[in-house]
Amino acid sequence: MSNTKVLPMAEPEVAPCCPPLSERALTAEEAVRTAAMFKALGDPVRLRLFSLVASHEGGEACVCDISDVGVSQPTVSHHLKKLREAGLLTSERRGTWVYYRVAPSVLAAMGQLLKQPAA
């Protein structure tokens, strides 16, 4: 039996970056935060990794389960780091593996940003 204790991941509190684009113009600070998020997702490998984590059963994915995206493991780690730095993923080390999660509030904030006004 292992002495390793697995703790549940706490959901980070992510405030929506900004109101819907159709509501008002972004402030300079909001534009910087939003651009960093979209820049991180602007790479096809990063977008695929983000999608793999977001759609993984249980809402989290071990790097061992998402590393087959057509690039080397060090490149996968680089892209995952960029997604973390942009605030799109959180990570937790468990033994030798790192687990990634997309906070539901991140997806909600992204959806809210692109929300169209009611007709």
PDB file of N, CA and C in Angstrom:
ATOM      1  N   MET A   1       0.846  -1.180   0.000  1.00  0.00           N
ATOM      2  CA  MET A   1       0.000   0.000   0.000  1.00  0.00           C
ATOM      3  C   MET A   1       0.888   1.238   0.000  1.00  0.00           C
ATOM      4  N   SER A   2       0.500   2.216  -0.741  1.00  0.00           N
ATOM      5  CA  SER A   2       1.280   3.439  -0.892  1.00  0.00           C
ATOM      6  C   SER A   2       1.017   4.410   0.240  1.00  0.00           C
ATOM      7  N   ASN A   3       2.045   5.158   0.606  1.00  0.00           N
ATOM      8  CA  ASN A   3       1.897   6.204   1.611  1.00  0.00           C
ATOM      9  C   ASN A   3       1.538   7.540   0.987  1.00  0.00           C
ATOM     10  N   THR A   4       1.318   7.558  -0.311  1.00  0.00           N
ATOM     11  CA  THR A   4       0.996   8.787  -1.013  1.00  0.00           C
ATOM     12  C   THR A   4      -0.443   9.161  -0.745  1.00  0.00           C
ATOM     13  N   LYS A   5      -0.644  10.407  -0.361  1.00  0.00           N
ATOM     14  CA  LYS A   5      -1.986  10.909  -0.104  1.00  0.00           C
ATOM     15  C   LYS A   5      -2.355  11.867  -1.225  1.00  0.00           C
ATOM     16  N   VAL A   6      -3.457  11.597  -1.885  1.00  0.00           N
ATOM     17  CA  VAL A   6      -3.917  12.453  -2.965  1.00  0.00           C
ATOM     18  C   VAL A   6      -4.935  13.425  -2.402  1.00  0.00           C
ATOM     19  N   LEU A   7      -4.634  14.706  -2.541  1.00  0.00           N
ATOM     20  CA  LEU A   7      -5.531  15.741  -2.060  1.00  0.00           C
ATOM     21  C   LEU A   7      -6.366  16.264  -3.212  1.00  0.00           C
ATOM     22  N   PRO A   8      -7.617  16.616  -2.950  1.00  0.00           N
ATOM     23  CA  PRO A   8      -8.425  17.176  -4.035  1.00  0.00           C
ATOM     24  C   PRO A   8      -7.882  18.528  -4.452  1.00  0.00           C
ATOM     25  N   MET A   9      -8.053  18.827  -5.736  1.00  0.00           N
ATOM     26  CA  MET A   9      -7.581  20.108  -6.247  1.00  0.00           C
ATOM     27  C   MET A   9      -8.590  21.183  -5.879  1.00  0.00           C
ATOM     28  N   ALA A  10      -8.107  22.279  -5.341  1.00  0.00           N
ATOM     29  CA  ALA A  10      -8.980  23.402  -5.039  1.00  0.00           C
ATOM     30  C   ALA A  10      -9.263  24.155  -6.330  1.00  0.00           C
ATOM     31  N   GLU A  11     -10.493  24.578  -6.492  1.00  0.00           N
ATOM     32  CA  GLU A  11     -10.847  25.369  -7.662  1.00  0.00           C
ATOM     33  C   GLU A  11     -10.330  26.780  -7.459  1.00  0.00           C
ATOM     34  N   PRO A  12      -9.446  27.257  -8.317  1.00  0.00           N
ATOM     35  CA  PRO A  12      -8.989  28.623  -8.174  1.00  0.00           C
ATOM     36  C   PRO A  12     -10.114  29.585  -8.523  1.00  0.00           C
ATOM     37  N   GLU A  13     -10.128  30.697  -7.838  1.00  0.00           N
ATOM     38  CA  GLU A  13     -11.143  31.689  -8.139  1.00  0.00           C
ATOM     39  C   GLU A  13     -10.634  32.555  -9.268  1.00  0.00           C
ATOM     40  N   VAL A  14     -11.310  32.470 -10.389  1.00  0.00           N
ATOM     41  CA  VAL A  14     -10.932  33.244 -11.559  1.00  0.00           C
ATOM     42  C   VAL A  14     -12.074  34.182 -11.863  1.00  0.00           C
ATOM     43  N   ALA A  15     -11.813  35.454 -11.704  1.00  0.00           N
ATOM     44  CA  ALA A  15     -12.835  36.434 -12.029  1.00  0.00           C
ATOM     45  C   ALA A  15     -12.890  36.592 -13.536  1.00  0.00           C
ATOM     46  N   PRO A  16     -14.089  36.812 -14.064  1.00  0.00           N
ATOM     47  CA  PRO A  16     -14.153  37.060 -15.505  1.00  0.00           C
ATOM     48  C   PRO A  16     -13.204  38.193 -15.862  1.00  0.00           C
ATOM     49  N   CYS A  17     -12.515  38.016 -16.986  1.00  0.00           N
ATOM     50  CA  CYS A  17     -11.516  39.012 -17.358  1.00  0.00           C
ATOM     51  C   CYS A  17     -12.156  40.349 -17.697  1.00  0.00           C
ATOM     52  N   CYS A  18     -13.324  40.303 -18.233  1.00  0.00           N
ATOM     53  CA  CYS A  18     -13.958  41.542 -18.663  1.00  0.00           C
ATOM     54  C   CYS A  18     -15.384  41.280 -19.110  1.00  0.00           C
ATOM     55  N   PRO A  19     -16.147  42.333 -19.317  1.00  0.00           N
ATOM     56  CA  PRO A  19     -17.532  42.158 -19.769  1.00  0.00           C
ATOM     57  C   PRO A  19     -17.557  41.723 -21.236  1.00  0.00           C
ATOM     58  N   PRO A  20     -18.716  41.320 -21.722  1.00  0.00           N
ATOM     59  CA  PRO A  20     -18.804  40.954 -23.140  1.00  0.00           C
ATOM     60  C   PRO A  20     -18.298  42.086 -24.031  1.00  0.00           C
ATOM     61  N   LEU A  21     -17.645  41.727 -25.119  1.00  0.00           N
ATOM     62  CA  LEU A  21     -17.094  42.723 -26.030  1.00  0.00           C
ATOM     63  C   LEU A  21     -18.177  43.637 -26.587  1.00  0.00           C
ATOM     64  N   SER A  22     -19.395  43.131 -26.680  1.00  0.00           N
ATOM     65  CA  SER A  22     -20.490  43.937 -27.221  1.00  0.00           C
ATOM     66  C   SER A  22     -21.065  44.914 -26.201  1.00  0.00           C
ATOM     67  N   GLU A  23     -20.648  44.786 -24.929  1.00  0.00           N
ATOM     68  CA  GLU A  23     -21.195  45.648 -23.871  1.00  0.00           C
ATOM     69  C   GLU A  23     -20.485  46.996 -23.796  1.00  0.00           C
ATOM     70  N   ARG A  24     -19.157  46.946 -23.846  1.00  0.00           N
ATOM     71  CA  ARG A  24     -18.361  48.175 -23.789  1.00  0.00           C
ATOM     72  C   ARG A  24     -16.952  47.874 -24.269  1.00  0.00           C
ATOM     73  N   ALA A  25     -16.213  48.911 -24.553  1.00  0.00           N
ATOM     74  CA  ALA A  25     -14.816  48.738 -24.966  1.00  0.00           C
ATOM     75  C   ALA A  25     -13.985  48.267 -23.776  1.00  0.00           C
ATOM     76  N   LEU A  26     -13.002  47.437 -24.055  1.00  0.00           N
ATOM     77  CA  LEU A  26     -12.109  46.958 -23.005  1.00  0.00           C
ATOM     78  C   LEU A  26     -11.189  48.068 -22.534  1.00  0.00           C
ATOM     79  N   THR A  27     -10.839  48.018 -21.250  1.00  0.00           N
ATOM     80  CA  THR A  27      -9.798  48.917 -20.755  1.00  0.00           C
ATOM     81  C   THR A  27      -8.455  48.381 -21.241  1.00  0.00           C
ATOM     82  N   ALA A  28      -7.427  49.165 -21.092  1.00  0.00           N
ATOM     83  CA  ALA A  28      -6.096  48.719 -21.512  1.00  0.00           C
ATOM     84  C   ALA A  28      -5.683  47.467 -20.739  1.00  0.00           C
ATOM     85  N   GLU A  29      -5.945  47.428 -19.446  1.00  0.00           N
ATOM     86  CA  GLU A  29      -5.572  46.278 -18.613  1.00  0.00           C
ATOM     87  C   GLU A  29      -6.363  45.033 -19.018  1.00  0.00           C
ATOM     88  N   GLU A  30      -7.656  45.189 -19.268  1.00  0.00           N
ATOM     89  CA  GLU A  30      -8.478  44.059 -19.705  1.00  0.00           C
ATOM     90  C   GLU A  30      -7.996  43.528 -21.049  1.00  0.00           C
ATOM     91  N   ALA A  31      -7.613  44.419 -21.923  1.00  0.00           N
ATOM     92  CA  ALA A  31      -7.138  44.010 -23.244  1.00  0.00           C
ATOM     93  C   ALA A  31      -5.837  43.214 -23.132  1.00  0.00           C
ATOM     94  N   VAL A  32      -4.959  43.617 -22.236  1.00  0.00           N
ATOM     95  CA  VAL A  32      -3.692  42.894 -22.041  1.00  0.00           C
ATOM     96  C   VAL A  32      -3.966  41.480 -21.536  1.00  0.00           C
ATOM     97  N   ARG A  33      -4.838  41.365 -20.520  1.00  0.00           N
ATOM     98  CA  ARG A  33      -5.163  40.035 -19.965  1.00  0.00           C
ATOM     99  C   ARG A  33      -5.835  39.150 -21.003  1.00  0.00           C
ATOM    100  N   THR A  34      -6.777  39.717 -21.738  1.00  0.00           N
ATOM    101  CA  THR A  34      -7.516  38.949 -22.734  1.00  0.00           C
ATOM    102  C   THR A  34      -6.616  38.535 -23.887  1.00  0.00           C
ATOM    103  N   ALA A  35      -5.752  39.428 -24.327  1.00  0.00           N
ATOM    104  CA  ALA A  35      -4.828  39.105 -25.420  1.00  0.00           C
ATOM    105  C   ALA A  35      -3.892  37.972 -25.018  1.00  0.00           C
ATOM    106  N   ALA A  36      -3.421  37.960 -23.777  1.00  0.00           N
ATOM    107  CA  ALA A  36      -2.534  36.882 -23.311  1.00  0.00           C
ATOM    108  C   ALA A  36      -3.255  35.539 -23.358  1.00  0.00           C
ATOM    109  N   MET A  37      -4.520  35.539 -22.988  1.00  0.00           N
ATOM    110  CA  MET A  37      -5.311  34.309 -23.010  1.00  0.00           C
ATOM    111  C   MET A  37      -5.475  33.806 -24.448  1.00  0.00           C
ATOM    112  N   PHE A  38      -5.864  34.702 -25.357  1.00  0.00           N
ATOM    113  CA  PHE A  38      -6.057  34.286 -26.742  1.00  0.00           C
ATOM    114  C   PHE A  38      -4.736  33.980 -27.439  1.00  0.00           C
ATOM    115  N   LYS A  39      -3.681  34.671 -27.062  1.00  0.00           N
ATOM    116  CA  LYS A  39      -2.368  34.381 -27.646  1.00  0.00           C
ATOM    117  C   LYS A  39      -1.941  32.958 -27.278  1.00  0.00           C
ATOM    118  N   ALA A  40      -2.181  32.587 -26.022  1.00  0.00           N
ATOM    119  CA  ALA A  40      -1.829  31.232 -25.585  1.00  0.00           C
ATOM    120  C   ALA A  40      -2.621  30.190 -26.364  1.00  0.00           C
ATOM    121  N   LEU A  41      -3.871  30.485 -26.681  1.00  0.00           N
ATOM    122  CA  LEU A  41      -4.707  29.546 -27.422  1.00  0.00           C
ATOM    123  C   LEU A  41      -4.511  29.642 -28.927  1.00  0.00           C
ATOM    124  N   GLY A  42      -3.720  30.613 -29.383  1.00  0.00           N
ATOM    125  CA  GLY A  42      -3.499  30.822 -30.807  1.00  0.00           C
ATOM    126  C   GLY A  42      -2.585  29.809 -31.457  1.00  0.00           C
ATOM    127  N   ASP A  43      -1.950  28.978 -30.673  1.00  0.00           N
ATOM    128  CA  ASP A  43      -1.082  27.921 -31.199  1.00  0.00           C
ATOM    129  C   ASP A  43      -1.903  26.635 -31.280  1.00  0.00           C
ATOM    130  N   PRO A  44      -1.892  25.949 -32.421  1.00  0.00           N
ATOM    131  CA  PRO A  44      -2.711  24.731 -32.565  1.00  0.00           C
ATOM    132  C   PRO A  44      -2.403  23.647 -31.526  1.00  0.00           C
ATOM    133  N   VAL A  45      -1.142  23.479 -31.162  1.00  0.00           N
ATOM    134  CA  VAL A  45      -0.796  22.454 -30.163  1.00  0.00           C
ATOM    135  C   VAL A  45      -1.360  22.856 -28.802  1.00  0.00           C
ATOM    136  N   ARG A  46      -1.236  24.124 -28.443  1.00  0.00           N
ATOM    137  CA  ARG A  46      -1.774  24.584 -27.153  1.00  0.00           C
ATOM    138  C   ARG A  46      -3.290  24.457 -27.125  1.00  0.00           C
ATOM    139  N   LEU A  47      -3.937  24.817 -28.218  1.00  0.00           N
ATOM    140  CA  LEU A  47      -5.391  24.713 -28.272  1.00  0.00           C
ATOM    141  C   LEU A  47      -5.814  23.252 -28.128  1.00  0.00           C
ATOM    142  N   ARG A  48      -5.082  22.363 -28.754  1.00  0.00           N
ATOM    143  CA  ARG A  48      -5.395  20.933 -28.635  1.00  0.00           C
ATOM    144  C   ARG A  48      -5.175  20.440 -27.211  1.00  0.00           C
ATOM    145  N   LEU A  49      -4.072  20.834 -26.588  1.00  0.00           N
ATOM    146  CA  LEU A  49      -3.809  20.440 -25.200  1.00  0.00           C
ATOM    147  C   LEU A  49      -4.898  20.975 -24.270  1.00  0.00           C
ATOM    148  N   PHE A  50      -5.271  22.248 -24.467  1.00  0.00           N
ATOM    149  CA  PHE A  50      -6.325  22.850 -23.658  1.00  0.00           C
ATOM    150  C   PHE A  50      -7.619  22.056 -23.822  1.00  0.00           C
ATOM    151  N   SER A  51      -7.942  21.697 -25.057  1.00  0.00           N
ATOM    152  CA  SER A  51      -9.148  20.927 -25.341  1.00  0.00           C
ATOM    153  C   SER A  51      -9.084  19.537 -24.704  1.00  0.00           C
ATOM    154  N   LEU A  52      -7.919  18.904 -24.768  1.00  0.00           N
ATOM    155  CA  LEU A  52      -7.765  17.578 -24.165  1.00  0.00           C
ATOM    156  C   LEU A  52      -7.970  17.628 -22.654  1.00  0.00           C
ATOM    157  N   VAL A  53      -7.432  18.647 -22.012  1.00  0.00           N
ATOM    158  CA  VAL A  53      -7.611  18.786 -20.568  1.00  0.00           C
ATOM    159  C   VAL A  53      -9.071  19.094 -20.257  1.00  0.00           C
ATOM    160  N   ALA A  54      -9.653  20.054 -20.969  1.00  0.00           N
ATOM    161  CA  ALA A  54     -11.028  20.480 -20.699  1.00  0.00           C
ATOM    162  C   ALA A  54     -12.033  19.346 -20.895  1.00  0.00           C
ATOM    163  N   SER A  55     -11.783  18.473 -21.859  1.00  0.00           N
ATOM    164  CA  SER A  55     -12.736  17.415 -22.165  1.00  0.00           C
ATOM    165  C   SER A  55     -12.407  16.082 -21.490  1.00  0.00           C
ATOM    166  N   HIS A  56     -11.332  16.037 -20.728  1.00  0.00           N
ATOM    167  CA  HIS A  56     -10.916  14.785 -20.096  1.00  0.00           C
ATOM    168  C   HIS A  56     -11.896  14.399 -18.993  1.00  0.00           C
ATOM    169  N   GLU A  57     -12.116  13.108 -18.877  1.00  0.00           N
ATOM    170  CA  GLU A  57     -13.030  12.595 -17.859  1.00  0.00           C
ATOM    171  C   GLU A  57     -12.610  13.064 -16.469  1.00  0.00           C
ATOM    172  N   GLY A  58     -13.548  13.557 -15.711  1.00  0.00           N
ATOM    173  CA  GLY A  58     -13.264  14.022 -14.363  1.00  0.00           C
ATOM    174  C   GLY A  58     -12.763  15.453 -14.307  1.00  0.00           C
ATOM    175  N   GLY A  59     -12.575  16.075 -15.462  1.00  0.00           N
ATOM    176  CA  GLY A  59     -12.177  17.474 -15.490  1.00  0.00           C
ATOM    177  C   GLY A  59     -10.711  17.735 -15.251  1.00  0.00           C
ATOM    178  N   GLU A  60      -9.922  16.681 -15.145  1.00  0.00           N
ATOM    179  CA  GLU A  60      -8.486  16.857 -15.013  1.00  0.00           C
ATOM    180  C   GLU A  60      -7.779  15.764 -15.786  1.00  0.00           C
ATOM    181  N   ALA A  61      -6.550  16.071 -16.199  1.00  0.00           N
ATOM    182  CA  ALA A  61      -5.800  15.102 -16.997  1.00  0.00           C
ATOM    183  C   ALA A  61      -4.353  15.056 -16.539  1.00  0.00           C
ATOM    184  N   CYS A  62      -3.843  13.851 -16.470  1.00  0.00           N
ATOM    185  CA  CYS A  62      -2.422  13.643 -16.184  1.00  0.00           C
ATOM    186  C   CYS A  62      -1.654  13.940 -17.465  1.00  0.00           C
ATOM    187  N   VAL A  63      -0.502  14.539 -17.314  1.00  0.00           N
ATOM    188  CA  VAL A  63       0.321  14.814 -18.492  1.00  0.00           C
ATOM    189  C   VAL A  63       0.598  13.531 -19.266  1.00  0.00           C
ATOM    190  N   CYS A  64       0.620  12.407 -18.574  1.00  0.00           N
ATOM    191  CA  CYS A  64       0.855  11.123 -19.250  1.00  0.00           C
ATOM    192  C   CYS A  64      -0.291  10.746 -20.179  1.00  0.00           C
ATOM    193  N   ASP A  65      -1.475  11.317 -19.968  1.00  0.00           N
ATOM    194  CA  ASP A  65      -2.642  11.005 -20.798  1.00  0.00           C
ATOM    195  C   ASP A  65      -2.833  11.967 -21.966  1.00  0.00           C
ATOM    196  N   ILE A  66      -2.130  13.081 -21.967  1.00  0.00           N
ATOM    197  CA  ILE A  66      -2.380  14.098 -22.993  1.00  0.00           C
ATOM    198  C   ILE A  66      -1.134  14.460 -23.787  1.00  0.00           C
ATOM    199  N   SER A  67      -0.079  13.692 -23.657  1.00  0.00           N
ATOM    200  CA  SER A  67       1.184  14.077 -24.287  1.00  0.00           C
ATOM    201  C   SER A  67       1.321  13.641 -25.744  1.00  0.00           C
ATOM    202  N   ASP A  68       0.376  12.875 -26.265  1.00  0.00           N
ATOM    203  CA  ASP A  68       0.468  12.397 -27.642  1.00  0.00           C
ATOM    204  C   ASP A  68      -0.233  13.367 -28.595  1.00  0.00           C
ATOM    205  N   VAL A  69       0.428  14.494 -28.865  1.00  0.00           N
ATOM    206  CA  VAL A  69      -0.154  15.521 -29.741  1.00  0.00           C
ATOM    207  C   VAL A  69       0.768  15.835 -30.912  1.00  0.00           C
ATOM    208  N   GLY A  70       1.694  14.952 -31.198  1.00  0.00           N
ATOM    209  CA  GLY A  70       2.543  15.113 -32.369  1.00  0.00           C
ATOM    210  C   GLY A  70       3.806  15.920 -32.156  1.00  0.00           C
ATOM    211  N   VAL A  71       4.115  16.249 -30.914  1.00  0.00           N
ATOM    212  CA  VAL A  71       5.364  16.949 -30.601  1.00  0.00           C
ATOM    213  C   VAL A  71       6.050  16.225 -29.444  1.00  0.00           C
ATOM    214  N   SER A  72       7.303  16.540 -29.214  1.00  0.00           N
ATOM    215  CA  SER A  72       8.062  15.865 -28.155  1.00  0.00           C
ATOM    216  C   SER A  72       7.533  16.247 -26.770  1.00  0.00           C
ATOM    217  N   GLN A  73       7.859  15.419 -25.787  1.00  0.00           N
ATOM    218  CA  GLN A  73       7.409  15.669 -24.418  1.00  0.00           C
ATOM    219  C   GLN A  73       7.911  17.007 -23.894  1.00  0.00           C
ATOM    220  N   PRO A  74       9.175  17.394 -24.128  1.00  0.00           N
ATOM    221  CA  PRO A  74       9.604  18.710 -23.654  1.00  0.00           C
ATOM    222  C   PRO A  74       8.790  19.851 -24.280  1.00  0.00           C
ATOM    223  N   THR A  75       8.384  19.676 -25.537  1.00  0.00           N
ATOM    224  CA  THR A  75       7.571  20.691 -26.196  1.00  0.00           C
ATOM    225  C   THR A  75       6.176  20.730 -25.583  1.00  0.00           C
ATOM    226  N   VAL A  76       5.630  19.579 -25.248  1.00  0.00           N
ATOM    227  CA  VAL A  76       4.334  19.529 -24.555  1.00  0.00           C
ATOM    228  C   VAL A  76       4.442  20.288 -23.240  1.00  0.00           C
ATOM    229  N   SER A  77       5.497  20.041 -22.482  1.00  0.00           N
ATOM    230  CA  SER A  77       5.691  20.732 -21.205  1.00  0.00           C
ATOM    231  C   SER A  77       5.784  22.242 -21.402  1.00  0.00           C
ATOM    232  N   HIS A  78       6.465  22.667 -22.434  1.00  0.00           N
ATOM    233  CA  HIS A  78       6.583  24.098 -22.744  1.00  0.00           C
ATOM    234  C   HIS A  78       5.202  24.702 -23.008  1.00  0.00           C
ATOM    235  N   HIS A  79       4.403  24.023 -23.823  1.00  0.00           N
ATOM    236  CA  HIS A  79       3.077  24.533 -24.157  1.00  0.00           C
ATOM    237  C   HIS A  79       2.156  24.541 -22.940  1.00  0.00           C
ATOM    238  N   LEU A  80       2.230  23.516 -22.116  1.00  0.00           N
ATOM    239  CA  LEU A  80       1.417  23.489 -20.894  1.00  0.00           C
ATOM    240  C   LEU A  80       1.818  24.624 -19.957  1.00  0.00           C
ATOM    241  N   LYS A  81       3.120  24.927 -19.894  1.00  0.00           N
ATOM    242  CA  LYS A  81       3.592  26.043 -19.078  1.00  0.00           C
ATOM    243  C   LYS A  81       2.997  27.356 -19.587  1.00  0.00           C
ATOM    244  N   LYS A  82       2.973  27.546 -20.894  1.00  0.00           N
ATOM    245  CA  LYS A  82       2.404  28.772 -21.471  1.00  0.00           C
ATOM    246  C   LYS A  82       0.911  28.885 -21.152  1.00  0.00           C
ATOM    247  N   LEU A  83       0.197  27.777 -21.174  1.00  0.00           N
ATOM    248  CA  LEU A  83      -1.223  27.789 -20.828  1.00  0.00           C
ATOM    249  C   LEU A  83      -1.429  28.115 -19.347  1.00  0.00           C
ATOM    250  N   ARG A  84      -0.540  27.608 -18.491  1.00  0.00           N
ATOM    251  CA  ARG A  84      -0.612  27.949 -17.060  1.00  0.00           C
ATOM    252  C   ARG A  84      -0.323  29.421 -16.847  1.00  0.00           C
ATOM    253  N   GLU A  85       0.705  29.930 -17.508  1.00  0.00           N
ATOM    254  CA  GLU A  85       1.080  31.337 -17.348  1.00  0.00           C
ATOM    255  C   GLU A  85      -0.031  32.270 -17.807  1.00  0.00           C
ATOM    256  N   ALA A  86      -0.815  31.846 -18.777  1.00  0.00           N
ATOM    257  CA  ALA A  86      -1.925  32.660 -19.270  1.00  0.00           C
ATOM    258  C   ALA A  86      -3.157  32.532 -18.371  1.00  0.00           C
ATOM    259  N   GLY A  87      -3.073  31.700 -17.345  1.00  0.00           N
ATOM    260  CA  GLY A  87      -4.187  31.536 -16.415  1.00  0.00           C
ATOM    261  C   GLY A  87      -5.272  30.604 -16.913  1.00  0.00           C
ATOM    262  N   LEU A  88      -4.969  29.819 -17.945  1.00  0.00           N
ATOM    263  CA  LEU A  88      -5.971  28.929 -18.522  1.00  0.00           C
ATOM    264  C   LEU A  88      -5.989  27.548 -17.871  1.00  0.00           C
ATOM    265  N   LEU A  89      -4.860  27.128 -17.310  1.00  0.00           N
ATOM    266  CA  LEU A  89      -4.760  25.831 -16.650  1.00  0.00           C
ATOM    267  C   LEU A  89      -4.180  25.998 -15.257  1.00  0.00           C
ATOM    268  N   THR A  90      -4.542  25.078 -14.385  1.00  0.00           N
ATOM    269  CA  THR A  90      -3.868  24.942 -13.099  1.00  0.00           C
ATOM    270  C   THR A  90      -3.200  23.572 -13.111  1.00  0.00           C
ATOM    271  N   SER A  91      -2.221  23.387 -12.262  1.00  0.00           N
ATOM    272  CA  SER A  91      -1.534  22.095 -12.227  1.00  0.00           C
ATOM    273  C   SER A  91      -1.235  21.696 -10.799  1.00  0.00           C
ATOM    274  N   GLU A  92      -1.078  20.393 -10.628  1.00  0.00           N
ATOM    275  CA  GLU A  92      -0.743  19.834  -9.315  1.00  0.00           C
ATOM    276  C   GLU A  92       0.133  18.613  -9.533  1.00  0.00           C
ATOM    277  N   ARG A  93       1.264  18.574  -8.846  1.00  0.00           N
ATOM    278  CA  ARG A  93       2.155  17.422  -8.938  1.00  0.00           C
ATOM    279  C   ARG A  93       1.693  16.366  -7.935  1.00  0.00           C
ATOM    280  N   ARG A  94       1.586  15.136  -8.435  1.00  0.00           N
ATOM    281  CA  ARG A  94       1.245  13.980  -7.595  1.00  0.00           C
ATOM    282  C   ARG A  94       2.275  12.914  -7.897  1.00  0.00           C
ATOM    283  N   GLY A  95       3.207  12.761  -7.011  1.00  0.00           N
ATOM    284  CA  GLY A  95       4.296  11.821  -7.244  1.00  0.00           C
ATOM    285  C   GLY A  95       5.141  12.315  -8.402  1.00  0.00           C
ATOM    286  N   THR A  96       5.300  11.484  -9.422  1.00  0.00           N
ATOM    287  CA  THR A  96       6.126  11.876 -10.572  1.00  0.00           C
ATOM    288  C   THR A  96       5.303  12.521 -11.678  1.00  0.00           C
ATOM    289  N   TRP A  97       3.978  12.527 -11.561  1.00  0.00           N
ATOM    290  CA  TRP A  97       3.127  13.050 -12.623  1.00  0.00           C
ATOM    291  C   TRP A  97       2.520  14.399 -12.240  1.00  0.00           C
ATOM    292  N   VAL A  98       2.227  15.185 -13.264  1.00  0.00           N
ATOM    293  CA  VAL A  98       1.559  16.470 -13.060  1.00  0.00           C
ATOM    294  C   VAL A  98       0.167  16.358 -13.671  1.00  0.00           C
ATOM    295  N   TYR A  99      -0.821  16.801 -12.908  1.00  0.00           N
ATOM    296  CA  TYR A  99      -2.206  16.787 -13.356  1.00  0.00           C
ATOM    297  C   TYR A  99      -2.644  18.213 -13.649  1.00  0.00           C
ATOM    298  N   TYR A 100      -3.395  18.367 -14.737  1.00  0.00           N
ATOM    299  CA  TYR A 100      -3.848  19.680 -15.194  1.00  0.00           C
ATOM    300  C   TYR A 100      -5.364  19.751 -15.150  1.00  0.00           C
ATOM    301  N   ARG A 101      -5.856  20.951 -14.896  1.00  0.00           N
ATOM    302  CA  ARG A 101      -7.289  21.188 -14.812  1.00  0.00           C
ATOM    303  C   ARG A 101      -7.597  22.558 -15.397  1.00  0.00           C
ATOM    304  N   VAL A 102      -8.726  22.649 -16.090  1.00  0.00           N
ATOM    305  CA  VAL A 102      -9.241  23.933 -16.549  1.00  0.00           C
ATOM    306  C   VAL A 102     -10.326  24.317 -15.560  1.00  0.00           C
ATOM    307  N   ALA A 103     -10.161  25.455 -14.936  1.00  0.00           N
ATOM    308  CA  ALA A 103     -11.188  25.904 -14.003  1.00  0.00           C
ATOM    309  C   ALA A 103     -12.458  26.231 -14.781  1.00  0.00           C
ATOM    310  N   PRO A 104     -13.610  25.733 -14.321  1.00  0.00           N
ATOM    311  CA  PRO A 104     -14.858  26.035 -15.022  1.00  0.00           C
ATOM    312  C   PRO A 104     -15.079  27.544 -15.179  1.00  0.00           C
ATOM    313  N   SER A 105     -14.600  28.312 -14.245  1.00  0.00           N
ATOM    314  CA  SER A 105     -14.787  29.759 -14.345  1.00  0.00           C
ATOM    315  C   SER A 105     -14.012  30.346 -15.523  1.00  0.00           C
ATOM    316  N   VAL A 106     -12.917  29.690 -15.931  1.00  0.00           N
ATOM    317  CA  VAL A 106     -12.165  30.164 -17.094  1.00  0.00           C
ATOM    318  C   VAL A 106     -12.997  29.985 -18.348  1.00  0.00           C
ATOM    319  N   LEU A 107     -13.597  28.814 -18.501  1.00  0.00           N
ATOM    320  CA  LEU A 107     -14.439  28.570 -19.669  1.00  0.00           C
ATOM    321  C   LEU A 107     -15.646  29.502 -19.671  1.00  0.00           C
ATOM    322  N   ALA A 108     -16.221  29.713 -18.495  1.00  0.00           N
ATOM    323  CA  ALA A 108     -17.375  30.619 -18.399  1.00  0.00           C
ATOM    324  C   ALA A 108     -16.977  32.038 -18.762  1.00  0.00           C
ATOM    325  N   ALA A 109     -15.805  32.478 -18.298  1.00  0.00           N
ATOM    326  CA  ALA A 109     -15.338  33.829 -18.597  1.00  0.00           C
ATOM    327  C   ALA A 109     -15.078  34.002 -20.087  1.00  0.00           C
ATOM    328  N   MET A 110     -14.500  32.979 -20.719  1.00  0.00           N
ATOM    329  CA  MET A 110     -14.243  33.054 -22.152  1.00  0.00           C
ATOM    330  C   MET A 110     -15.561  33.120 -22.931  1.00  0.00           C
ATOM    331  N   GLY A 111     -16.528  32.316 -22.518  1.00  0.00           N
ATOM    332  CA  GLY A 111     -17.830  32.335 -23.166  1.00  0.00           C
ATOM    333  C   GLY A 111     -18.541  33.667 -22.978  1.00  0.00           C
ATOM    334  N   GLN A 112     -18.433  34.224 -21.786  1.00  0.00           N
ATOM    335  CA  GLN A 112     -19.072  35.506 -21.492  1.00  0.00           C
ATOM    336  C   GLN A 112     -18.449  36.618 -22.334  1.00  0.00           C
ATOM    337  N   LEU A 113     -17.160  36.584 -22.504  1.00  0.00           N
ATOM    338  CA  LEU A 113     -16.469  37.607 -23.275  1.00  0.00           C
ATOM    339  C   LEU A 113     -16.985  37.673 -24.702  1.00  0.00           C
ATOM    340  N   LEU A 114     -17.255  36.512 -25.293  1.00  0.00           N
ATOM    341  CA  LEU A 114     -17.667  36.443 -26.695  1.00  0.00           C
ATOM    342  C   LEU A 114     -19.198  36.421 -26.860  1.00  0.00           C
ATOM    343  N   LYS A 115     -19.903  36.582 -25.779  1.00  0.00           N
ATOM    344  CA  LYS A 115     -21.367  36.541 -25.809  1.00  0.00           C
ATOM    345  C   LYS A 115     -21.925  37.666 -26.676  1.00  0.00           C
ATOM    346  N   GLN A 116     -22.861  37.296 -27.519  1.00  0.00           N
ATOM    347  CA  GLN A 116     -23.522  38.295 -28.366  1.00  0.00           C
ATOM    348  C   GLN A 116     -24.719  38.870 -27.625  1.00  0.00           C
ATOM    349  N   PRO A 117     -25.035  40.130 -27.886  1.00  0.00           N
ATOM    350  CA  PRO A 117     -26.210  40.714 -27.228  1.00  0.00           C
ATOM    351  C   PRO A 117     -27.485  40.060 -27.751  1.00  0.00           C
ATOM    352  N   ALA A 118     -28.500  40.053 -26.918  1.00  0.00           N
ATOM    353  CA  ALA A 118     -29.791  39.505 -27.331  1.00  0.00           C
ATOM    354  C   ALA A 118     -30.371  40.342 -28.464  1.00  0.00           C
ATOM    355  N   ALA A 119     -31.000  39.667 -29.402  1.00  0.00           N
ATOM    356  CA  ALA A 119     -31.577  40.376 -30.550  1.00  0.00           C
ATOM    357  C   ALA A 119     -32.866  41.075 -30.203  1.00  0.00           C
TER     358      ALA A 119
END
